[in-house]
Amino acid sequence: MIEKISVGIDIVDVKRFKKLNYEQNTRFFKRIFSKSEIEYCRKFKNSAEHFAGKFAVKEAVRKSSHQKIKFLDIITTHHKSKPKVEIKNKKQYIFQVSISHEKDIAIAIVLCEKLD
């Protein structure tokens, strides 16, 4: 039985994304991130940190929901500098998200509530 409230956490080495030049690896990025997520991350000088954070969020969402969800179906946004998450075409979950960065580490924790 799946609990109504569950948690997911993920940690990512930012260096993995620093090694991936966007222009040379667009196919990789487009398999994981939506157009708006890519635009958001690329507007920052330290885009690798933001890509790593969003990747950690997506992994934490998958863990917290106990579902095999495609990366592109997990949509991350920001509202007043706070991260938000939703899953395309699935309204049965509510997520609370926190992302943190420290040097070469990005970490995300997600609290997931499954609605009846």
Protein backbone atom coordinates (compact mmCIF):
# COMPACT_ATOMS: atom_id res chain seq x y z
CA MET A 1 0.00 0.00 0.00
CA ILE A 2 1.28 3.46 -0.91
CA GLU A 3 1.28 5.97 1.91
CA LYS A 4 -0.66 9.21 1.44
CA ILE A 5 2.40 11.32 2.25
CA SER A 6 5.90 10.32 1.25
CA VAL A 7 9.29 11.90 0.81
CA GLY A 8 12.00 11.71 -1.85
CA ILE A 9 15.52 13.07 -1.79
CA ASP A 10 18.29 13.23 -4.38
CA ILE A 11 21.81 14.61 -4.50
CA VAL A 12 23.70 15.47 -7.69
CA ASP A 13 27.33 16.29 -8.38
CA VAL A 14 27.19 19.63 -10.25
CA LYS A 15 30.43 18.70 -12.07
CA ARG A 16 28.41 16.17 -14.12
CA PHE A 17 26.51 19.08 -15.68
CA LYS A 18 29.57 21.34 -15.93
CA LYS A 19 31.15 18.71 -18.22
CA LEU A 20 28.13 18.75 -20.54
CA ASN A 21 28.25 21.71 -22.88
CA TYR A 22 24.65 22.52 -23.80
CA GLU A 23 25.33 23.24 -27.48
CA GLN A 24 27.14 19.91 -27.89
CA ASN A 25 24.60 17.91 -25.85
CA THR A 26 21.21 19.42 -26.67
CA ARG A 27 19.68 16.00 -27.30
CA PHE A 28 20.57 14.88 -23.77
CA PHE A 29 19.13 18.04 -22.19
CA LYS A 30 15.93 17.88 -24.25
CA ARG A 31 15.29 14.30 -23.07
CA ILE A 32 15.28 15.46 -19.45
CA PHE A 33 14.26 19.12 -19.34
CA SER A 34 11.36 21.04 -20.90
CA LYS A 35 12.01 24.06 -23.09
CA SER A 36 11.06 26.42 -20.25
CA GLU A 37 13.34 24.58 -17.80
CA ILE A 38 16.26 24.83 -20.24
CA GLU A 39 15.60 28.54 -20.79
CA TYR A 40 15.43 29.11 -17.03
CA CYS A 41 18.73 27.33 -16.32
CA ARG A 42 20.61 28.85 -19.26
CA LYS A 43 19.85 32.42 -18.18
CA PHE A 44 22.24 31.95 -15.24
CA LYS A 45 26.02 32.21 -15.51
CA ASN A 46 26.26 29.04 -13.39
CA SER A 47 23.68 27.09 -15.42
CA ALA A 48 25.19 23.71 -14.45
CA GLU A 49 24.20 24.32 -10.83
CA HIS A 50 20.61 25.00 -11.86
CA PHE A 51 20.43 22.00 -14.21
CA ALA A 52 21.78 19.79 -11.42
CA GLY A 53 19.20 21.17 -8.99
CA LYS A 54 16.31 20.58 -11.39
CA PHE A 55 17.59 17.07 -12.12
CA ALA A 56 17.72 16.34 -8.38
CA VAL A 57 14.14 17.59 -8.04
CA LYS A 58 12.93 15.30 -10.83
CA GLU A 59 14.64 12.29 -9.26
CA ALA A 60 13.22 13.17 -5.82
CA VAL A 61 9.72 13.47 -7.33
CA ARG A 62 10.03 10.00 -8.85
CA LYS A 63 11.13 8.58 -5.50
CA SER A 64 8.43 10.36 -3.49
CA SER A 65 5.56 9.41 -5.83
CA HIS A 66 6.60 5.75 -6.15
CA GLN A 67 5.85 6.04 -9.87
CA LYS A 68 7.94 5.58 -13.00
CA ILE A 69 7.39 9.05 -14.36
CA LYS A 70 9.17 10.33 -17.46
CA PHE A 71 11.54 13.21 -16.79
CA LEU A 72 9.72 15.39 -19.32
CA ASP A 73 6.41 14.79 -17.54
CA ILE A 74 7.80 16.34 -14.35
CA ILE A 75 7.52 20.09 -14.76
CA THR A 76 9.54 22.35 -12.48
CA THR A 77 8.91 26.07 -12.22
CA HIS A 78 9.60 28.85 -9.77
CA HIS A 79 7.10 31.20 -8.18
CA LYS A 80 8.54 34.08 -6.16
CA SER A 81 11.91 32.26 -6.13
CA LYS A 82 10.35 29.09 -4.69
CA PRO A 83 10.47 25.84 -6.67
CA LYS A 84 7.19 24.29 -7.75
CA VAL A 85 6.50 20.89 -9.30
CA GLU A 86 3.65 19.29 -11.15
CA ILE A 87 3.27 16.17 -13.22
CA LYS A 88 1.77 16.53 -16.68
CA ASN A 89 -1.78 15.21 -16.89
CA LYS A 90 -1.73 13.94 -13.30
CA LYS A 91 -3.43 16.07 -10.70
CA GLN A 92 -3.52 13.44 -7.94
CA TYR A 93 -0.30 14.70 -6.32
CA ILE A 94 0.66 17.81 -4.40
CA PHE A 95 4.37 18.48 -3.94
CA GLN A 96 6.43 20.60 -1.58
CA VAL A 97 9.97 21.12 -2.84
CA SER A 98 13.26 22.39 -1.50
CA ILE A 99 16.51 22.72 -3.45
CA SER A 100 19.92 23.64 -2.08
CA HIS A 101 23.36 24.12 -3.63
CA GLU A 102 26.75 24.03 -1.98
CA LYS A 103 29.93 24.21 -4.08
CA ASP A 104 29.68 21.18 -6.38
CA ILE A 105 26.60 19.59 -4.82
CA ALA A 106 22.91 20.12 -5.55
CA ILE A 107 20.31 18.47 -3.35
CA ALA A 108 16.54 18.36 -3.53
CA ILE A 109 13.94 17.04 -1.14
CA VAL A 110 10.31 16.54 -2.13
CA LEU A 111 7.31 15.91 0.04
CA CYS A 112 4.52 14.26 -1.93
CA GLU A 113 0.89 14.04 -0.93
CA LYS A 114 -1.28 11.66 -2.89
CA LEU A 115 -4.87 12.87 -3.17
CA ASP A 116 -7.76 10.43 -3.17
